[in-house]
Amino acid sequence: MEDQTIIDLYWNRSEDAIAETANKYGRYCRRISYNILYNHEDCEECVNDTYLKAWNTMPPARPARLPAFLGKIVRNLSLDRYERSMAKKRGTGQVPLALFELEECIPSSSDTEAVIDNLFLAQLLNRFLAETKPKARKIFVQRYWYFMSVKEIAADLGVGESYVKMTLSRLRGKLKQFLEKEGVTL
């Protein structure tokens, strides 16, 4: 089923919207959530909560790209659940590794201007990625948006793990230089 047809089902408040979303994007949402949580039960809860949030958000929202809309919802729900579990105990998975890797090139934002700074940083990051070669951009997004492991990225792209690690290292260095050039204090 086409994405616009699925969105129309949400707007018409048809219960088929959730079933069609699950059919087309269930695996995609589960993969994003599982890469963050590494727990099937928590992952399934986040995916189901994603469908509910999509139901409650459409209307009034009419997403231009349904997979990006759902991906953002499931990612945020999974990260929230991850943070709650980390408050209780140490977790596993790719989240701490990926965030640690970015720590040296993305500034911390804990002051009152954090929202504005984050928007500015997001714009800069989008500009940086737009200027990056497609294969390197894909590696960066798979690692730092989808939290895929180096091994998974290498398998997906048909390259060696060392290639992925080196590409990520170089991209982090270039990102750090780019942000410093743009006046971002690290």
N, C-alpha and C. Protein backbone atom coordinates (compact mmCIF):
# COMPACT_ATOMS: atom_id res chain seq x y z
N MET A 1 0.85 -1.17 0.00
CA MET A 1 0.00 0.00 0.00
C MET A 1 0.90 1.24 0.00
N GLU A 2 0.50 2.25 -0.74
CA GLU A 2 1.25 3.50 -0.83
C GLU A 2 1.19 4.28 0.49
N ASP A 3 2.25 5.02 0.77
CA ASP A 3 2.32 5.79 2.01
C ASP A 3 1.18 6.80 2.14
N GLN A 4 0.86 7.49 1.05
CA GLN A 4 -0.22 8.49 1.12
C GLN A 4 -1.56 7.83 1.43
N THR A 5 -1.77 6.62 0.96
CA THR A 5 -3.00 5.88 1.26
C THR A 5 -3.04 5.53 2.75
N ILE A 6 -1.91 5.13 3.30
CA ILE A 6 -1.84 4.83 4.74
C ILE A 6 -2.11 6.09 5.55
N ILE A 7 -1.52 7.20 5.15
CA ILE A 7 -1.75 8.47 5.85
C ILE A 7 -3.22 8.85 5.77
N ASP A 8 -3.83 8.65 4.61
CA ASP A 8 -5.28 8.93 4.47
C ASP A 8 -6.10 8.07 5.42
N LEU A 9 -5.69 6.82 5.62
CA LEU A 9 -6.39 5.95 6.58
C LEU A 9 -6.34 6.55 7.99
N TYR A 10 -5.17 7.09 8.37
CA TYR A 10 -5.08 7.75 9.68
C TYR A 10 -6.03 8.94 9.74
N TRP A 11 -6.02 9.73 8.69
CA TRP A 11 -6.87 10.93 8.67
C TRP A 11 -8.35 10.56 8.70
N ASN A 12 -8.71 9.42 8.11
CA ASN A 12 -10.11 8.96 8.12
C ASN A 12 -10.44 8.17 9.38
N ARG A 13 -9.45 8.05 10.28
CA ARG A 13 -9.58 7.34 11.56
C ARG A 13 -9.96 5.87 11.36
N SER A 14 -9.42 5.28 10.32
CA SER A 14 -9.64 3.87 10.04
C SER A 14 -8.64 3.04 10.83
N GLU A 15 -9.14 2.02 11.49
CA GLU A 15 -8.26 1.14 12.27
C GLU A 15 -7.30 0.36 11.37
N ASP A 16 -7.61 0.29 10.08
CA ASP A 16 -6.72 -0.38 9.14
C ASP A 16 -5.38 0.36 9.02
N ALA A 17 -5.34 1.62 9.42
CA ALA A 17 -4.10 2.40 9.32
C ALA A 17 -2.98 1.74 10.11
N ILE A 18 -3.29 1.29 11.30
CA ILE A 18 -2.27 0.67 12.15
C ILE A 18 -1.82 -0.67 11.56
N ALA A 19 -2.77 -1.45 11.09
CA ALA A 19 -2.43 -2.75 10.50
C ALA A 19 -1.56 -2.55 9.25
N GLU A 20 -1.91 -1.59 8.42
CA GLU A 20 -1.13 -1.33 7.21
C GLU A 20 0.27 -0.79 7.55
N THR A 21 0.32 0.05 8.58
CA THR A 21 1.61 0.58 9.03
C THR A 21 2.49 -0.56 9.54
N ALA A 22 1.90 -1.44 10.32
CA ALA A 22 2.65 -2.59 10.86
C ALA A 22 3.13 -3.50 9.73
N ASN A 23 2.28 -3.71 8.73
CA ASN A 23 2.67 -4.55 7.59
C ASN A 23 3.84 -3.97 6.84
N LYS A 24 3.79 -2.67 6.58
CA LYS A 24 4.80 -2.06 5.73
C LYS A 24 6.05 -1.63 6.50
N TYR A 25 5.87 -1.14 7.73
CA TYR A 25 7.00 -0.54 8.45
C TYR A 25 7.30 -1.19 9.81
N GLY A 26 6.65 -2.28 10.12
CA GLY A 26 6.89 -2.93 11.41
C GLY A 26 8.33 -3.39 11.57
N ARG A 27 8.86 -4.03 10.55
CA ARG A 27 10.24 -4.52 10.62
C ARG A 27 11.23 -3.36 10.74
N TYR A 28 10.99 -2.32 9.97
CA TYR A 28 11.83 -1.11 10.01
C TYR A 28 11.84 -0.50 11.42
N CYS A 29 10.67 -0.36 12.01
CA CYS A 29 10.57 0.22 13.37
C CYS A 29 11.22 -0.69 14.41
N ARG A 30 11.00 -2.00 14.28
CA ARG A 30 11.61 -2.93 15.23
C ARG A 30 13.13 -2.89 15.16
N ARG A 31 13.66 -2.76 13.96
CA ARG A 31 15.13 -2.72 13.82
C ARG A 31 15.70 -1.48 14.50
N ILE A 32 15.08 -0.34 14.31
CA ILE A 32 15.55 0.89 14.95
C ILE A 32 15.50 0.72 16.46
N SER A 33 14.37 0.26 16.96
CA SER A 33 14.19 0.12 18.41
C SER A 33 15.16 -0.91 18.99
N TYR A 34 15.31 -2.04 18.32
CA TYR A 34 16.17 -3.10 18.85
C TYR A 34 17.63 -2.66 18.88
N ASN A 35 18.06 -1.89 17.90
CA ASN A 35 19.44 -1.40 17.88
C ASN A 35 19.73 -0.50 19.07
N ILE A 36 18.72 0.09 19.65
CA ILE A 36 18.88 0.95 20.82
C ILE A 36 18.72 0.15 22.11
N LEU A 37 17.72 -0.71 22.16
CA LEU A 37 17.36 -1.36 23.42
C LEU A 37 17.95 -2.76 23.62
N TYR A 38 18.19 -3.49 22.55
CA TYR A 38 18.66 -4.88 22.65
C TYR A 38 17.80 -5.72 23.57
N ASN A 39 16.48 -5.50 23.49
CA ASN A 39 15.53 -6.25 24.29
C ASN A 39 14.25 -6.37 23.47
N HIS A 40 13.85 -7.59 23.14
CA HIS A 40 12.70 -7.79 22.26
C HIS A 40 11.39 -7.28 22.86
N GLU A 41 11.19 -7.49 24.15
CA GLU A 41 9.94 -7.07 24.77
C GLU A 41 9.83 -5.54 24.79
N ASP A 42 10.90 -4.88 25.20
CA ASP A 42 10.90 -3.41 25.21
C ASP A 42 10.76 -2.86 23.80
N CYS A 43 11.41 -3.53 22.87
CA CYS A 43 11.34 -3.13 21.47
C CYS A 43 9.89 -3.20 20.97
N GLU A 44 9.20 -4.29 21.24
CA GLU A 44 7.81 -4.44 20.79
C GLU A 44 6.91 -3.39 21.43
N GLU A 45 7.14 -3.07 22.70
CA GLU A 45 6.35 -2.03 23.35
C GLU A 45 6.57 -0.68 22.68
N CYS A 46 7.81 -0.37 22.35
CA CYS A 46 8.11 0.91 21.68
C CYS A 46 7.47 0.97 20.30
N VAL A 47 7.51 -0.15 19.59
CA VAL A 47 6.90 -0.17 18.25
C VAL A 47 5.39 0.02 18.37
N ASN A 48 4.76 -0.66 19.31
CA ASN A 48 3.32 -0.47 19.51
C ASN A 48 3.00 0.96 19.95
N ASP A 49 3.84 1.52 20.80
CA ASP A 49 3.65 2.92 21.21
C ASP A 49 3.84 3.87 20.03
N THR A 50 4.68 3.47 19.07
CA THR A 50 4.87 4.27 17.86
C THR A 50 3.58 4.33 17.06
N TYR A 51 2.91 3.19 16.92
CA TYR A 51 1.64 3.17 16.19
C TYR A 51 0.61 4.05 16.89
N LEU A 52 0.58 3.97 18.22
CA LEU A 52 -0.37 4.79 18.98
C LEU A 52 -0.06 6.27 18.82
N LYS A 53 1.22 6.62 18.89
CA LYS A 53 1.60 8.03 18.74
C LYS A 53 1.28 8.52 17.33
N ALA A 54 1.52 7.68 16.34
CA ALA A 54 1.17 8.05 14.96
C ALA A 54 -0.34 8.27 14.86
N TRP A 55 -1.12 7.41 15.49
CA TRP A 55 -2.58 7.53 15.50
C TRP A 55 -3.01 8.85 16.15
N ASN A 56 -2.38 9.19 17.26
CA ASN A 56 -2.74 10.41 17.98
C ASN A 56 -2.20 11.68 17.32
N THR A 57 -1.20 11.54 16.46
CA THR A 57 -0.57 12.69 15.84
C THR A 57 -1.20 13.03 14.48
N MET A 58 -1.73 12.02 13.80
CA MET A 58 -2.36 12.24 12.49
C MET A 58 -3.86 12.10 12.65
N PRO A 59 -4.69 13.03 12.30
CA PRO A 59 -4.35 14.44 12.11
C PRO A 59 -4.01 15.09 13.44
N PRO A 60 -3.47 16.25 13.45
CA PRO A 60 -3.33 17.24 12.39
C PRO A 60 -2.08 17.06 11.52
N ALA A 61 -1.12 16.28 11.99
CA ALA A 61 0.12 16.14 11.20
C ALA A 61 -0.16 15.34 9.93
N ARG A 62 0.47 15.74 8.85
CA ARG A 62 0.44 14.98 7.60
C ARG A 62 1.89 14.88 7.14
N PRO A 63 2.57 13.80 7.56
CA PRO A 63 4.01 13.68 7.26
C PRO A 63 4.28 13.60 5.76
N ALA A 64 5.35 14.27 5.35
CA ALA A 64 5.77 14.23 3.95
C ALA A 64 6.38 12.87 3.62
N ARG A 65 7.11 12.30 4.60
CA ARG A 65 7.74 10.99 4.42
C ARG A 65 7.39 10.12 5.61
N LEU A 66 6.50 9.18 5.40
CA LEU A 66 6.02 8.32 6.48
C LEU A 66 7.13 7.52 7.17
N PRO A 67 8.08 6.92 6.43
CA PRO A 67 9.13 6.17 7.15
C PRO A 67 9.97 7.06 8.06
N ALA A 68 10.28 8.27 7.62
CA ALA A 68 11.06 9.18 8.47
C ALA A 68 10.25 9.58 9.70
N PHE A 69 8.97 9.83 9.51
CA PHE A 69 8.07 10.20 10.60
C PHE A 69 8.01 9.07 11.64
N LEU A 70 7.79 7.84 11.18
CA LEU A 70 7.72 6.70 12.09
C LEU A 70 9.08 6.41 12.72
N GLY A 71 10.14 6.53 11.93
CA GLY A 71 11.49 6.28 12.44
C GLY A 71 11.85 7.24 13.57
N LYS A 72 11.47 8.50 13.41
CA LYS A 72 11.77 9.48 14.45
C LYS A 72 10.98 9.17 15.73
N ILE A 73 9.72 8.79 15.57
CA ILE A 73 8.91 8.46 16.74
C ILE A 73 9.49 7.26 17.48
N VAL A 74 9.75 6.17 16.77
CA VAL A 74 10.23 4.95 17.43
C VAL A 74 11.62 5.17 18.02
N ARG A 75 12.43 5.95 17.34
CA ARG A 75 13.77 6.23 17.87
C ARG A 75 13.68 7.01 19.18
N ASN A 76 12.86 8.05 19.20
CA ASN A 76 12.72 8.86 20.42
C ASN A 76 12.11 8.05 21.57
N LEU A 77 11.09 7.24 21.27
CA LEU A 77 10.50 6.41 22.31
C LEU A 77 11.52 5.40 22.85
N SER A 78 12.30 4.82 21.96
CA SER A 78 13.31 3.84 22.37
C SER A 78 14.42 4.49 23.18
N LEU A 79 14.85 5.68 22.77
CA LEU A 79 15.88 6.39 23.54
C LEU A 79 15.36 6.78 24.92
N ASP A 80 14.10 7.19 25.01
CA ASP A 80 13.50 7.49 26.32
C ASP A 80 13.49 6.25 27.21
N ARG A 81 13.08 5.13 26.64
CA ARG A 81 13.06 3.88 27.41
C ARG A 81 14.47 3.48 27.81
N TYR A 82 15.42 3.67 26.92
CA TYR A 82 16.82 3.36 27.21
C TYR A 82 17.32 4.21 28.38
N GLU A 83 17.02 5.50 28.35
CA GLU A 83 17.44 6.39 29.44
C GLU A 83 16.83 5.97 30.77
N ARG A 84 15.57 5.57 30.75
CA ARG A 84 14.93 5.09 31.98
C ARG A 84 15.60 3.82 32.50
N SER A 85 15.95 2.91 31.59
CA SER A 85 16.60 1.68 32.03
C SER A 85 18.02 1.95 32.53
N MET A 86 18.69 2.93 31.92
CA MET A 86 20.05 3.28 32.36
C MET A 86 20.02 3.92 33.74
N ALA A 87 18.93 4.58 34.07
CA ALA A 87 18.83 5.18 35.40
C ALA A 87 18.77 4.08 36.46
N LYS A 88 18.27 2.92 36.07
CA LYS A 88 18.13 1.81 37.01
C LYS A 88 19.36 0.91 37.02
N LYS A 89 19.96 0.71 35.84
CA LYS A 89 21.09 -0.21 35.73
C LYS A 89 21.87 0.11 34.48
N ARG A 90 23.01 -0.51 34.35
CA ARG A 90 23.81 -0.33 33.14
C ARG A 90 23.19 -1.15 32.03
N GLY A 91 23.07 -0.56 30.85
CA GLY A 91 22.51 -1.25 29.70
C GLY A 91 23.60 -1.74 28.77
N THR A 92 23.17 -2.37 27.69
CA THR A 92 24.10 -2.81 26.67
C THR A 92 23.64 -2.25 25.35
N GLY A 93 24.33 -2.56 24.31
CA GLY A 93 23.92 -2.14 22.99
C GLY A 93 24.83 -1.09 22.41
N GLN A 94 24.38 -0.53 21.30
CA GLN A 94 25.19 0.39 20.52
C GLN A 94 25.07 1.84 20.98
N VAL A 95 24.04 2.18 21.75
CA VAL A 95 23.82 3.58 22.13
C VAL A 95 25.01 4.18 22.88
N PRO A 96 25.48 3.58 23.96
CA PRO A 96 26.60 4.22 24.66
C PRO A 96 27.86 4.30 23.80
N LEU A 97 28.09 3.29 22.97
CA LEU A 97 29.27 3.32 22.11
C LEU A 97 29.18 4.44 21.09
N ALA A 98 28.03 4.56 20.42
CA ALA A 98 27.87 5.59 19.40
C ALA A 98 27.94 6.98 20.02
N LEU A 99 27.30 7.16 21.16
CA LEU A 99 27.33 8.48 21.81
C LEU A 99 28.73 8.82 22.30
N PHE A 100 29.45 7.83 22.79
CA PHE A 100 30.83 8.06 23.23
C PHE A 100 31.70 8.49 22.05
N GLU A 101 31.51 7.84 20.89
CA GLU A 101 32.28 8.19 19.71
C GLU A 101 32.07 9.64 19.30
N LEU A 102 30.84 10.13 19.43
CA LEU A 102 30.51 11.49 19.02
C LEU A 102 30.84 12.54 20.09
N GLU A 103 31.14 12.09 21.29
CA GLU A 103 31.36 13.00 22.42
C GLU A 103 32.42 14.06 22.14
N GLU A 104 33.48 13.68 21.44
CA GLU A 104 34.58 14.62 21.22
C GLU A 104 34.30 15.65 20.13
N CYS A 105 33.25 15.43 19.33
CA CYS A 105 32.98 16.41 18.26
C CYS A 105 31.61 17.06 18.34
N ILE A 106 30.74 16.65 19.26
CA ILE A 106 29.44 17.29 19.45
C ILE A 106 29.43 17.89 20.85
N PRO A 107 29.17 19.19 20.96
CA PRO A 107 29.20 19.83 22.28
C PRO A 107 28.03 19.39 23.16
N SER A 108 28.26 19.44 24.46
CA SER A 108 27.21 19.14 25.42
C SER A 108 26.30 20.35 25.55
N SER A 109 25.00 20.09 25.75
CA SER A 109 24.08 21.22 25.88
C SER A 109 23.24 21.03 27.14
N SER A 110 23.63 21.72 28.20
CA SER A 110 22.91 21.57 29.45
C SER A 110 22.43 22.91 29.99
N ASP A 111 22.53 23.98 29.20
CA ASP A 111 22.08 25.28 29.67
C ASP A 111 20.70 25.61 29.11
N THR A 112 20.20 26.81 29.43
CA THR A 112 18.86 27.21 29.01
C THR A 112 18.74 27.45 27.52
N GLU A 113 19.84 27.64 26.84
CA GLU A 113 19.81 27.86 25.40
C GLU A 113 19.94 26.55 24.63
N ALA A 114 19.77 25.44 25.30
CA ALA A 114 20.00 24.14 24.68
C ALA A 114 19.12 23.91 23.46
N VAL A 115 17.86 24.30 23.52
CA VAL A 115 16.95 24.05 22.40
C VAL A 115 17.42 24.80 21.15
N ILE A 116 17.75 26.06 21.31
CA ILE A 116 18.23 26.86 20.18
C ILE A 116 19.54 26.30 19.66
N ASP A 117 20.44 25.97 20.57
CA ASP A 117 21.73 25.41 20.18
C ASP A 117 21.55 24.10 19.43
N ASN A 118 20.62 23.26 19.90
CA ASN A 118 20.39 21.98 19.25
C ASN A 118 19.83 22.16 17.84
N LEU A 119 18.94 23.13 17.65
CA LEU A 119 18.42 23.41 16.31
C LEU A 119 19.53 23.87 15.38
N PHE A 120 20.37 24.77 15.87
CA PHE A 120 21.50 25.25 15.09
C PHE A 120 22.45 24.10 14.76
N LEU A 121 22.74 23.27 15.75
CA LEU A 121 23.62 22.12 15.55
C LEU A 121 23.02 21.15 14.52
N ALA A 122 21.71 20.94 14.58
CA ALA A 122 21.06 20.05 13.61
C ALA A 122 21.21 20.60 12.19
N GLN A 123 21.06 21.91 12.04
CA GLN A 123 21.23 22.52 10.72
C GLN A 123 22.67 22.34 10.22
N LEU A 124 23.62 22.54 11.10
CA LEU A 124 25.03 22.36 10.72
C LEU A 124 25.31 20.90 10.36
N LEU A 125 24.77 19.99 11.14
CA LEU A 125 24.97 18.57 10.88
C LEU A 125 24.38 18.19 9.52
N ASN A 126 23.20 18.71 9.21
CA ASN A 126 22.59 18.44 7.90
C ASN A 126 23.46 18.99 6.77
N ARG A 127 24.01 20.18 6.97
CA ARG A 127 24.89 20.76 5.96
C ARG A 127 26.14 19.91 5.78
N PHE A 128 26.72 19.48 6.89
CA PHE A 128 27.91 18.64 6.85
C PHE A 128 27.62 17.34 6.08
N LEU A 129 26.50 16.71 6.39
CA LEU A 129 26.16 15.45 5.73
C LEU A 129 25.85 15.66 4.25
N ALA A 130 25.26 16.79 3.90
CA ALA A 130 24.97 17.08 2.50
C ALA A 130 26.24 17.19 1.68
N GLU A 131 27.32 17.62 2.32
CA GLU A 131 28.61 17.78 1.64
C GLU A 131 29.46 16.51 1.68
N THR A 132 28.93 15.45 2.29
CA THR A 132 29.66 14.19 2.45
C THR A 132 29.28 13.23 1.33
N LYS A 133 30.22 12.43 0.88
CA LYS A 133 29.95 11.44 -0.16
C LYS A 133 28.84 10.49 0.30
N PRO A 134 28.00 10.03 -0.64
CA PRO A 134 26.83 9.20 -0.27
C PRO A 134 27.16 7.97 0.58
N LYS A 135 28.22 7.24 0.23
CA LYS A 135 28.54 6.02 0.99
C LYS A 135 28.96 6.36 2.42
N ALA A 136 29.77 7.39 2.57
CA ALA A 136 30.20 7.81 3.91
C ALA A 136 29.02 8.34 4.70
N ARG A 137 28.13 9.08 4.04
CA ARG A 137 26.93 9.61 4.70
C ARG A 137 26.06 8.46 5.21
N LYS A 138 25.93 7.42 4.38
CA LYS A 138 25.12 6.26 4.78
C LYS A 138 25.72 5.58 6.01
N ILE A 139 27.03 5.44 6.01
CA ILE A 139 27.71 4.83 7.17
C ILE A 139 27.46 5.67 8.41
N PHE A 140 27.59 6.98 8.30
CA PHE A 140 27.40 7.90 9.43
C PHE A 140 25.97 7.79 9.97
N VAL A 141 25.00 7.82 9.07
CA VAL A 141 23.59 7.76 9.49
C VAL A 141 23.26 6.40 10.10
N GLN A 142 23.76 5.33 9.49
CA GLN A 142 23.49 4.01 10.06
C GLN A 142 24.07 3.89 11.47
N ARG A 143 25.20 4.46 11.71
CA ARG A 143 25.84 4.36 13.03
C ARG A 143 25.18 5.28 14.05
N TYR A 144 24.99 6.54 13.68
CA TYR A 144 24.59 7.52 14.68
C TYR A 144 23.11 7.87 14.68
N TRP A 145 22.36 7.42 13.71
CA TRP A 145 20.91 7.60 13.76
C TRP A 145 20.24 6.27 14.09
N TYR A 146 20.62 5.22 13.36
CA TYR A 146 20.02 3.91 13.58
C TYR A 146 20.75 3.07 14.62
N PHE A 147 21.90 3.54 15.09
CA PHE A 147 22.70 2.85 16.11
C PHE A 147 23.05 1.42 15.70
N MET A 148 23.34 1.23 14.43
CA MET A 148 23.77 -0.07 13.95
C MET A 148 25.21 -0.32 14.37
N SER A 149 25.54 -1.56 14.61
CA SER A 149 26.92 -1.91 14.97
C SER A 149 27.80 -1.80 13.74
N VAL A 150 29.09 -1.70 13.96
CA VAL A 150 30.06 -1.64 12.85
C VAL A 150 29.92 -2.90 12.00
N LYS A 151 29.75 -4.02 12.65
CA LYS A 151 29.61 -5.29 11.94
C LYS A 151 28.37 -5.29 11.04
N GLU A 152 27.25 -4.79 11.54
CA GLU A 152 26.02 -4.72 10.75
C GLU A 152 26.18 -3.79 9.54
N ILE A 153 26.82 -2.65 9.76
CA ILE A 153 27.03 -1.69 8.67
C ILE A 153 27.91 -2.31 7.59
N ALA A 154 28.99 -2.96 8.02
CA ALA A 154 29.90 -3.60 7.07
C ALA A 154 29.17 -4.65 6.25
N ALA A 155 28.35 -5.46 6.90
CA ALA A 155 27.60 -6.50 6.19
C ALA A 155 26.59 -5.87 5.22
N ASP A 156 25.92 -4.81 5.66
CA ASP A 156 24.92 -4.15 4.83
C ASP A 156 25.54 -3.56 3.56
N LEU A 157 26.74 -2.99 3.69
CA LEU A 157 27.38 -2.33 2.56
C LEU A 157 28.36 -3.23 1.80
N GLY A 158 28.61 -4.42 2.34
CA GLY A 158 29.53 -5.34 1.68
C GLY A 158 30.97 -4.88 1.73
N VAL A 159 31.35 -4.27 2.86
CA VAL A 159 32.73 -3.80 3.06
C VAL A 159 33.26 -4.41 4.35
N GLY A 160 34.53 -4.23 4.59
CA GLY A 160 35.13 -4.73 5.82
C GLY A 160 34.84 -3.84 7.01
N GLU A 161 34.89 -4.43 8.18
CA GLU A 161 34.66 -3.66 9.41
C GLU A 161 35.71 -2.57 9.58
N SER A 162 36.94 -2.85 9.19
CA SER A 162 37.99 -1.84 9.32
C SER A 162 37.70 -0.63 8.43
N TYR A 163 37.10 -0.85 7.26
CA TYR A 163 36.71 0.25 6.37
C TYR A 163 35.67 1.13 7.07
N VAL A 164 34.69 0.49 7.69
CA VAL A 164 33.64 1.24 8.39
C VAL A 164 34.24 2.03 9.55
N LYS A 165 35.08 1.39 10.34
CA LYS A 165 35.71 2.08 11.48
C LYS A 165 36.54 3.27 11.02
N MET A 166 37.31 3.08 9.97
CA MET A 166 38.16 4.17 9.47
C MET A 166 37.30 5.30 8.91
N THR A 167 36.26 4.96 8.19
CA THR A 167 35.36 5.98 7.64
C THR A 167 34.72 6.78 8.76
N LEU A 168 34.25 6.10 9.79
CA LEU A 168 33.63 6.80 10.93
C LEU A 168 34.64 7.69 11.64
N SER A 169 35.85 7.20 11.81
CA SER A 169 36.89 7.99 12.47
C SER A 169 37.19 9.26 11.67
N ARG A 170 37.33 9.09 10.37
CA ARG A 170 37.61 10.26 9.51
C ARG A 170 36.44 11.23 9.51
N LEU A 171 35.22 10.71 9.47
CA LEU A 171 34.05 11.57 9.47
C LEU A 171 33.93 12.36 10.78
N ARG A 172 34.23 11.70 11.89
CA ARG A 172 34.19 12.41 13.18
C ARG A 172 35.22 13.53 13.20
N GLY A 173 36.41 13.26 12.67
CA GLY A 173 37.44 14.29 12.60
C GLY A 173 37.01 15.45 11.71
N LYS A 174 36.44 15.13 10.55
CA LYS A 174 35.96 16.17 9.63
C LYS A 174 34.81 16.95 10.25
N LEU A 175 33.92 16.24 10.97
CA LEU A 175 32.81 16.91 11.62
C LEU A 175 33.30 17.88 12.69
N LYS A 176 34.28 17.43 13.46
CA LYS A 176 34.85 18.29 14.49
C LYS A 176 35.45 19.55 13.87
N GLN A 177 36.22 19.39 12.81
CA GLN A 177 36.81 20.54 12.12
C GLN A 177 35.73 21.45 11.55
N PHE A 178 34.71 20.87 10.95
CA PHE A 178 33.61 21.63 10.36
C PHE A 178 32.91 22.46 11.42
N LEU A 179 32.61 21.83 12.57
CA LEU A 179 31.89 22.54 13.64
C LEU A 179 32.75 23.65 14.22
N GLU A 180 34.04 23.39 14.41
CA GLU A 180 34.94 24.42 14.92
C GLU A 180 35.01 25.58 13.95
N LYS A 181 35.08 25.29 12.66
CA LYS A 181 35.12 26.34 11.62
C LYS A 181 33.84 27.18 11.65
N GLU A 182 32.72 26.55 12.00
CA GLU A 182 31.44 27.24 12.06
C GLU A 182 31.24 27.98 13.39
N GLY A 183 32.23 27.90 14.27
CA GLY A 183 32.17 28.64 15.53
C GLY A 183 31.51 27.90 16.68
N VAL A 184 31.33 26.59 16.54
CA VAL A 184 30.75 25.81 17.61
C VAL A 184 31.84 25.45 18.61
N THR A 185 31.62 25.79 19.88
CA THR A 185 32.58 25.49 20.92
C THR A 185 32.39 24.05 21.37
N LEU A 186 33.47 23.30 21.35
CA LEU A 186 33.39 21.88 21.72
C LEU A 186 33.82 21.66 23.15
